[in-house]
Amino acid sequence: MSTTTEIEIRELDRRSAEGIEVTLLWHAETNRVFVTVEDLRHGSSLELDVDPAEALDAFHHPYAYASRASRDVYAHAA
């Protein structure tokens, strides 16, 4: 018998402009809400946990929440 563990991360919204991609995600099992930002021009990214009540605001203004980043905000690709 084989079982598969399904990762319960759901994309709630996504937007892209001028090489920057912002995604709003929710982890169903842990109820974690977070925003990821990928700057494709510079190879930098950030991931930040947000309170569900602030999710849309953080999605629209992620750099205002950058101090909450759980990944290096300016980690440049080699």
PDB file of N, CA and C in Angstrom:
ATOM      1  N   MET A   1       0.840  -1.169   0.000  1.00  0.00           N
ATOM      2  CA  MET A   1       0.000   0.000   0.000  1.00  0.00           C
ATOM      3  C   MET A   1       0.895   1.245   0.000  1.00  0.00           C
ATOM      4  N   SER A   2       0.566   2.206  -0.818  1.00  0.00           N
ATOM      5  CA  SER A   2       1.352   3.426  -0.950  1.00  0.00           C
ATOM      6  C   SER A   2       0.511   4.624  -0.537  1.00  0.00           C
ATOM      7  N   THR A   3       1.128   5.522   0.198  1.00  0.00           N
ATOM      8  CA  THR A   3       0.423   6.745   0.574  1.00  0.00           C
ATOM      9  C   THR A   3       1.233   7.934   0.103  1.00  0.00           C
ATOM     10  N   THR A   4       0.547   8.979  -0.236  1.00  0.00           N
ATOM     11  CA  THR A   4       1.195  10.201  -0.686  1.00  0.00           C
ATOM     12  C   THR A   4       0.810  11.329   0.247  1.00  0.00           C
ATOM     13  N   THR A   5       1.817  12.035   0.739  1.00  0.00           N
ATOM     14  CA  THR A   5       1.561  13.200   1.576  1.00  0.00           C
ATOM     15  C   THR A   5       1.443  14.404   0.664  1.00  0.00           C
ATOM     16  N   GLU A   6       0.326  15.064   0.731  1.00  0.00           N
ATOM     17  CA  GLU A   6       0.075  16.222  -0.111  1.00  0.00           C
ATOM     18  C   GLU A   6       0.405  17.491   0.660  1.00  0.00           C
ATOM     19  N   ILE A   7       1.199  18.344   0.063  1.00  0.00           N
ATOM     20  CA  ILE A   7       1.510  19.620   0.686  1.00  0.00           C
ATOM     21  C   ILE A   7       0.309  20.530   0.497  1.00  0.00           C
ATOM     22  N   GLU A   8      -0.178  21.074   1.577  1.00  0.00           N
ATOM     23  CA  GLU A   8      -1.394  21.868   1.562  1.00  0.00           C
ATOM     24  C   GLU A   8      -1.116  23.361   1.506  1.00  0.00           C
ATOM     25  N   ILE A   9      -0.315  23.787   0.556  1.00  0.00           N
ATOM     26  CA  ILE A   9      -0.090  25.218   0.373  1.00  0.00           C
ATOM     27  C   ILE A   9      -0.919  25.662  -0.817  1.00  0.00           C
ATOM     28  N   ARG A  10      -1.732  26.664  -0.592  1.00  0.00           N
ATOM     29  CA  ARG A  10      -2.613  27.154  -1.648  1.00  0.00           C
ATOM     30  C   ARG A  10      -2.263  28.582  -2.019  1.00  0.00           C
ATOM     31  N   GLU A  11      -2.224  28.831  -3.302  1.00  0.00           N
ATOM     32  CA  GLU A  11      -1.989  30.178  -3.801  1.00  0.00           C
ATOM     33  C   GLU A  11      -3.318  30.933  -3.767  1.00  0.00           C
ATOM     34  N   LEU A  12      -3.342  32.027  -3.021  1.00  0.00           N
ATOM     35  CA  LEU A  12      -4.556  32.815  -2.902  1.00  0.00           C
ATOM     36  C   LEU A  12      -4.611  33.941  -3.922  1.00  0.00           C
ATOM     37  N   ASP A  13      -3.434  34.477  -4.266  1.00  0.00           N
ATOM     38  CA  ASP A  13      -3.376  35.551  -5.254  1.00  0.00           C
ATOM     39  C   ASP A  13      -1.947  35.672  -5.749  1.00  0.00           C
ATOM     40  N   ARG A  14      -1.798  36.264  -6.936  1.00  0.00           N
ATOM     41  CA  ARG A  14      -0.476  36.467  -7.533  1.00  0.00           C
ATOM     42  C   ARG A  14      -0.554  37.690  -8.427  1.00  0.00           C
ATOM     43  N   ARG A  15       0.538  38.443  -8.431  1.00  0.00           N
ATOM     44  CA  ARG A  15       0.645  39.575  -9.347  1.00  0.00           C
ATOM     45  C   ARG A  15       2.087  39.720  -9.779  1.00  0.00           C
ATOM     46  N   SER A  16       2.254  40.326 -10.951  1.00  0.00           N
ATOM     47  CA  SER A  16       3.590  40.483 -11.510  1.00  0.00           C
ATOM     48  C   SER A  16       3.647  41.800 -12.267  1.00  0.00           C
ATOM     49  N   ALA A  17       4.741  42.545 -12.071  1.00  0.00           N
ATOM     50  CA  ALA A  17       4.949  43.804 -12.789  1.00  0.00           C
ATOM     51  C   ALA A  17       6.429  44.132 -12.787  1.00  0.00           C
ATOM     52  N   GLU A  18       6.938  44.490 -13.935  1.00  0.00           N
ATOM     53  CA  GLU A  18       8.309  44.966 -14.076  1.00  0.00           C
ATOM     54  C   GLU A  18       9.345  44.039 -13.441  1.00  0.00           C
ATOM     55  N   GLY A  19       9.157  42.738 -13.609  1.00  0.00           N
ATOM     56  CA  GLY A  19      10.134  41.771 -13.102  1.00  0.00           C
ATOM     57  C   GLY A  19       9.993  41.400 -11.643  1.00  0.00           C
ATOM     58  N   ILE A  20       8.939  41.861 -10.989  1.00  0.00           N
ATOM     59  CA  ILE A  20       8.712  41.515  -9.581  1.00  0.00           C
ATOM     60  C   ILE A  20       7.425  40.705  -9.482  1.00  0.00           C
ATOM     61  N   GLU A  21       7.528  39.530  -8.878  1.00  0.00           N
ATOM     62  CA  GLU A  21       6.381  38.655  -8.688  1.00  0.00           C
ATOM     63  C   GLU A  21       6.044  38.568  -7.205  1.00  0.00           C
ATOM     64  N   VAL A  22       4.795  38.823  -6.877  1.00  0.00           N
ATOM     65  CA  VAL A  22       4.323  38.777  -5.493  1.00  0.00           C
ATOM     66  C   VAL A  22       3.232  37.713  -5.414  1.00  0.00           C
ATOM     67  N   THR A  23       3.357  36.813  -4.434  1.00  0.00           N
ATOM     68  CA  THR A  23       2.392  35.727  -4.288  1.00  0.00           C
ATOM     69  C   THR A  23       1.901  35.682  -2.840  1.00  0.00           C
ATOM     70  N   LEU A  24       0.606  35.533  -2.677  1.00  0.00           N
ATOM     71  CA  LEU A  24      -0.025  35.361  -1.369  1.00  0.00           C
ATOM     72  C   LEU A  24      -0.375  33.889  -1.228  1.00  0.00           C
ATOM     73  N   LEU A  25       0.138  33.257  -0.162  1.00  0.00           N
ATOM     74  CA  LEU A  25      -0.025  31.819   0.040  1.00  0.00           C
ATOM     75  C   LEU A  25      -0.608  31.506   1.416  1.00  0.00           C
ATOM     76  N   TRP A  26      -1.248  30.346   1.486  1.00  0.00           N
ATOM     77  CA  TRP A  26      -1.835  29.873   2.749  1.00  0.00           C
ATOM     78  C   TRP A  26      -1.533  28.390   2.888  1.00  0.00           C
ATOM     79  N   HIS A  27      -1.027  28.005   4.054  1.00  0.00           N
ATOM     80  CA  HIS A  27      -0.760  26.596   4.360  1.00  0.00           C
ATOM     81  C   HIS A  27      -1.938  26.077   5.175  1.00  0.00           C
ATOM     82  N   ALA A  28      -2.723  25.200   4.591  1.00  0.00           N
ATOM     83  CA  ALA A  28      -3.969  24.734   5.206  1.00  0.00           C
ATOM     84  C   ALA A  28      -3.755  24.008   6.526  1.00  0.00           C
ATOM     85  N   GLU A  29      -2.718  23.192   6.613  1.00  0.00           N
ATOM     86  CA  GLU A  29      -2.501  22.395   7.820  1.00  0.00           C
ATOM     87  C   GLU A  29      -2.118  23.254   9.021  1.00  0.00           C
ATOM     88  N   THR A  30      -1.278  24.266   8.793  1.00  0.00           N
ATOM     89  CA  THR A  30      -0.807  25.099   9.898  1.00  0.00           C
ATOM     90  C   THR A  30      -1.540  26.437   9.993  1.00  0.00           C
ATOM     91  N   ASN A  31      -2.349  26.742   8.994  1.00  0.00           N
ATOM     92  CA  ASN A  31      -3.074  28.009   8.880  1.00  0.00           C
ATOM     93  C   ASN A  31      -2.121  29.198   8.747  1.00  0.00           C
ATOM     94  N   ARG A  32      -0.925  28.934   8.260  1.00  0.00           N
ATOM     95  CA  ARG A  32       0.080  29.978   8.040  1.00  0.00           C
ATOM     96  C   ARG A  32      -0.256  30.751   6.769  1.00  0.00           C
ATOM     97  N   VAL A  33      -0.226  32.076   6.862  1.00  0.00           N
ATOM     98  CA  VAL A  33      -0.411  32.944   5.700  1.00  0.00           C
ATOM     99  C   VAL A  33       0.909  33.671   5.477  1.00  0.00           C
ATOM    100  N   PHE A  34       1.378  33.672   4.228  1.00  0.00           N
ATOM    101  CA  PHE A  34       2.645  34.326   3.947  1.00  0.00           C
ATOM    102  C   PHE A  34       2.685  34.880   2.534  1.00  0.00           C
ATOM    103  N   VAL A  35       3.580  35.816   2.338  1.00  0.00           N
ATOM    104  CA  VAL A  35       3.765  36.483   1.054  1.00  0.00           C
ATOM    105  C   VAL A  35       5.189  36.228   0.602  1.00  0.00           C
ATOM    106  N   THR A  36       5.349  35.897  -0.679  1.00  0.00           N
ATOM    107  CA  THR A  36       6.683  35.784  -1.258  1.00  0.00           C
ATOM    108  C   THR A  36       6.840  36.862  -2.315  1.00  0.00           C
ATOM    109  N   VAL A  37       8.047  37.394  -2.401  1.00  0.00           N
ATOM    110  CA  VAL A  37       8.378  38.394  -3.409  1.00  0.00           C
ATOM    111  C   VAL A  37       9.649  37.932  -4.109  1.00  0.00           C
ATOM    112  N   GLU A  38       9.597  37.850  -5.430  1.00  0.00           N
ATOM    113  CA  GLU A  38      10.753  37.470  -6.240  1.00  0.00           C
ATOM    114  C   GLU A  38      11.067  38.636  -7.171  1.00  0.00           C
ATOM    115  N   ASP A  39      12.273  39.170  -7.058  1.00  0.00           N
ATOM    116  CA  ASP A  39      12.732  40.216  -7.970  1.00  0.00           C
ATOM    117  C   ASP A  39      13.599  39.524  -9.010  1.00  0.00           C
ATOM    118  N   LEU A  40      13.016  39.238 -10.156  1.00  0.00           N
ATOM    119  CA  LEU A  40      13.693  38.485 -11.198  1.00  0.00           C
ATOM    120  C   LEU A  40      14.824  39.271 -11.843  1.00  0.00           C
ATOM    121  N   ARG A  41      14.772  40.578 -11.767  1.00  0.00           N
ATOM    122  CA  ARG A  41      15.813  41.427 -12.357  1.00  0.00           C
ATOM    123  C   ARG A  41      17.107  41.342 -11.569  1.00  0.00           C
ATOM    124  N   HIS A  42      17.004  41.275 -10.241  1.00  0.00           N
ATOM    125  CA  HIS A  42      18.181  41.311  -9.384  1.00  0.00           C
ATOM    126  C   HIS A  42      18.469  39.981  -8.687  1.00  0.00           C
ATOM    127  N   GLY A  43      17.588  39.012  -8.851  1.00  0.00           N
ATOM    128  CA  GLY A  43      17.787  37.721  -8.216  1.00  0.00           C
ATOM    129  C   GLY A  43      17.582  37.730  -6.722  1.00  0.00           C
ATOM    130  N   SER A  44      16.826  38.690  -6.211  1.00  0.00           N
ATOM    131  CA  SER A  44      16.572  38.742  -4.769  1.00  0.00           C
ATOM    132  C   SER A  44      15.151  38.278  -4.472  1.00  0.00           C
ATOM    133  N   SER A  45      14.941  37.868  -3.237  1.00  0.00           N
ATOM    134  CA  SER A  45      13.618  37.385  -2.844  1.00  0.00           C
ATOM    135  C   SER A  45      13.410  37.575  -1.355  1.00  0.00           C
ATOM    136  N   LEU A  46      12.155  37.506  -0.959  1.00  0.00           N
ATOM    137  CA  LEU A  46      11.832  37.509   0.461  1.00  0.00           C
ATOM    138  C   LEU A  46      10.551  36.739   0.685  1.00  0.00           C
ATOM    139  N   GLU A  47      10.419  36.236   1.875  1.00  0.00           N
ATOM    140  CA  GLU A  47       9.222  35.519   2.295  1.00  0.00           C
ATOM    141  C   GLU A  47       8.858  36.053   3.668  1.00  0.00           C
ATOM    142  N   LEU A  48       7.599  36.442   3.845  1.00  0.00           N
ATOM    143  CA  LEU A  48       7.221  36.982   5.140  1.00  0.00           C
ATOM    144  C   LEU A  48       5.894  36.424   5.610  1.00  0.00           C
ATOM    145  N   ASP A  49       5.864  36.080   6.878  1.00  0.00           N
ATOM    146  CA  ASP A  49       4.633  35.630   7.521  1.00  0.00           C
ATOM    147  C   ASP A  49       3.796  36.853   7.851  1.00  0.00           C
ATOM    148  N   VAL A  50       2.493  36.729   7.657  1.00  0.00           N
ATOM    149  CA  VAL A  50       1.603  37.843   7.957  1.00  0.00           C
ATOM    150  C   VAL A  50       0.383  37.344   8.715  1.00  0.00           C
ATOM    151  N   ASP A  51      -0.160  38.227   9.501  1.00  0.00           N
ATOM    152  CA  ASP A  51      -1.412  37.937  10.183  1.00  0.00           C
ATOM    153  C   ASP A  51      -2.501  37.855   9.116  1.00  0.00           C
ATOM    154  N   PRO A  52      -3.394  36.884   9.184  1.00  0.00           N
ATOM    155  CA  PRO A  52      -4.448  36.789   8.174  1.00  0.00           C
ATOM    156  C   PRO A  52      -5.242  38.088   7.979  1.00  0.00           C
ATOM    157  N   ALA A  53      -5.400  38.864   9.042  1.00  0.00           N
ATOM    158  CA  ALA A  53      -6.125  40.131   8.927  1.00  0.00           C
ATOM    159  C   ALA A  53      -5.355  41.164   8.103  1.00  0.00           C
ATOM    160  N   GLU A  54      -4.041  40.977   7.979  1.00  0.00           N
ATOM    161  CA  GLU A  54      -3.189  41.908   7.223  1.00  0.00           C
ATOM    162  C   GLU A  54      -2.768  41.344   5.870  1.00  0.00           C
ATOM    163  N   ALA A  55      -3.287  40.195   5.493  1.00  0.00           N
ATOM    164  CA  ALA A  55      -2.807  39.484   4.308  1.00  0.00           C
ATOM    165  C   ALA A  55      -2.918  40.299   3.027  1.00  0.00           C
ATOM    166  N   LEU A  56      -4.053  40.895   2.771  1.00  0.00           N
ATOM    167  CA  LEU A  56      -4.206  41.663   1.530  1.00  0.00           C
ATOM    168  C   LEU A  56      -3.338  42.908   1.522  1.00  0.00           C
ATOM    169  N   ASP A  57      -3.219  43.559   2.651  1.00  0.00           N
ATOM    170  CA  ASP A  57      -2.363  44.736   2.717  1.00  0.00           C
ATOM    171  C   ASP A  57      -0.908  44.344   2.485  1.00  0.00           C
ATOM    172  N   ALA A  58      -0.475  43.253   3.080  1.00  0.00           N
ATOM    173  CA  ALA A  58       0.898  42.776   2.887  1.00  0.00           C
ATOM    174  C   ALA A  58       1.126  42.338   1.447  1.00  0.00           C
ATOM    175  N   PHE A  59       0.119  41.771   0.816  1.00  0.00           N
ATOM    176  CA  PHE A  59       0.217  41.369  -0.581  1.00  0.00           C
ATOM    177  C   PHE A  59       0.404  42.596  -1.482  1.00  0.00           C
ATOM    178  N   HIS A  60      -0.336  43.654  -1.203  1.00  0.00           N
ATOM    179  CA  HIS A  60      -0.255  44.866  -2.024  1.00  0.00           C
ATOM    180  C   HIS A  60       0.942  45.749  -1.681  1.00  0.00           C
ATOM    181  N   HIS A  61       1.453  45.644  -0.457  1.00  0.00           N
ATOM    182  CA  HIS A  61       2.573  46.483  -0.001  1.00  0.00           C
ATOM    183  C   HIS A  61       3.617  45.635   0.736  1.00  0.00           C
ATOM    184  N   PRO A  62       4.191  44.636   0.077  1.00  0.00           N
ATOM    185  CA  PRO A  62       5.079  43.706   0.789  1.00  0.00           C
ATOM    186  C   PRO A  62       6.326  44.355   1.372  1.00  0.00           C
ATOM    187  N   TYR A  63       6.853  45.390   0.736  1.00  0.00           N
ATOM    188  CA  TYR A  63       8.078  45.991   1.260  1.00  0.00           C
ATOM    189  C   TYR A  63       7.827  46.745   2.561  1.00  0.00           C
ATOM    190  N   ALA A  64       6.594  47.128   2.819  1.00  0.00           N
ATOM    191  CA  ALA A  64       6.257  47.751   4.098  1.00  0.00           C
ATOM    192  C   ALA A  64       6.333  46.726   5.236  1.00  0.00           C
ATOM    193  N   TYR A  65       6.251  45.446   4.895  1.00  0.00           N
ATOM    194  CA  TYR A  65       6.292  44.360   5.870  1.00  0.00           C
ATOM    195  C   TYR A  65       7.636  43.624   5.844  1.00  0.00           C
ATOM    196  N   ALA A  66       8.603  44.131   5.106  1.00  0.00           N
ATOM    197  CA  ALA A  66       9.871  43.432   4.884  1.00  0.00           C
ATOM    198  C   ALA A  66      10.633  43.116   6.166  1.00  0.00           C
ATOM    199  N   SER A  67      10.426  43.887   7.219  1.00  0.00           N
ATOM    200  CA  SER A  67      11.135  43.611   8.477  1.00  0.00           C
ATOM    201  C   SER A  67      10.710  42.272   9.076  1.00  0.00           C
ATOM    202  N   ARG A  68       9.602  41.720   8.611  1.00  0.00           N
ATOM    203  CA  ARG A  68       9.115  40.426   9.106  1.00  0.00           C
ATOM    204  C   ARG A  68       9.620  39.261   8.271  1.00  0.00           C
ATOM    205  N   ALA A  69      10.485  39.517   7.324  1.00  0.00           N
ATOM    206  CA  ALA A  69      10.938  38.481   6.388  1.00  0.00           C
ATOM    207  C   ALA A  69      11.581  37.317   7.100  1.00  0.00           C
ATOM    208  N   SER A  70      11.221  36.106   6.677  1.00  0.00           N
ATOM    209  CA  SER A  70      11.823  34.902   7.247  1.00  0.00           C
ATOM    210  C   SER A  70      12.956  34.381   6.358  1.00  0.00           C
ATOM    211  N   ARG A  71      13.114  34.960   5.180  1.00  0.00           N
ATOM    212  CA  ARG A  71      14.254  34.661   4.314  1.00  0.00           C
ATOM    213  C   ARG A  71      14.987  35.962   4.063  1.00  0.00           C
ATOM    214  N   ASP A  72      16.262  35.862   3.731  1.00  0.00           N
ATOM    215  CA  ASP A  72      17.079  37.026   3.480  1.00  0.00           C
ATOM    216  C   ASP A  72      16.459  37.909   2.412  1.00  0.00           C
ATOM    217  N   VAL A  73      16.174  39.147   2.764  1.00  0.00           N
ATOM    218  CA  VAL A  73      15.485  40.068   1.869  1.00  0.00           C
ATOM    219  C   VAL A  73      16.301  40.355   0.626  1.00  0.00           C
ATOM    220  N   TYR A  74      17.590  40.464   0.760  1.00  0.00           N
ATOM    221  CA  TYR A  74      18.413  40.840  -0.381  1.00  0.00           C
ATOM    222  C   TYR A  74      19.442  39.755  -0.712  1.00  0.00           C
ATOM    223  N   ALA A  75      19.004  38.500  -0.725  1.00  0.00           N
ATOM    224  CA  ALA A  75      19.900  37.402  -1.082  1.00  0.00           C
ATOM    225  C   ALA A  75      19.998  37.348  -2.598  1.00  0.00           C
ATOM    226  N   HIS A  76      21.104  37.828  -3.127  1.00  0.00           N
ATOM    227  CA  HIS A  76      21.276  37.885  -4.574  1.00  0.00           C
ATOM    228  C   HIS A  76      21.800  36.563  -5.112  1.00  0.00           C
ATOM    229  N   ALA A  77      21.280  36.214  -6.277  1.00  0.00           N
ATOM    230  CA  ALA A  77      21.750  34.988  -6.939  1.00  0.00           C
ATOM    231  C   ALA A  77      23.146  35.256  -7.509  1.00  0.00           C
ATOM    232  N   ALA A  78      23.940  34.217  -7.554  1.00  0.00           N
ATOM    233  CA  ALA A  78      25.311  34.352  -8.078  1.00  0.00           C
ATOM    234  C   ALA A  78      25.304  34.506  -9.577  1.00  0.00           C
TER     235      ALA A  78
END
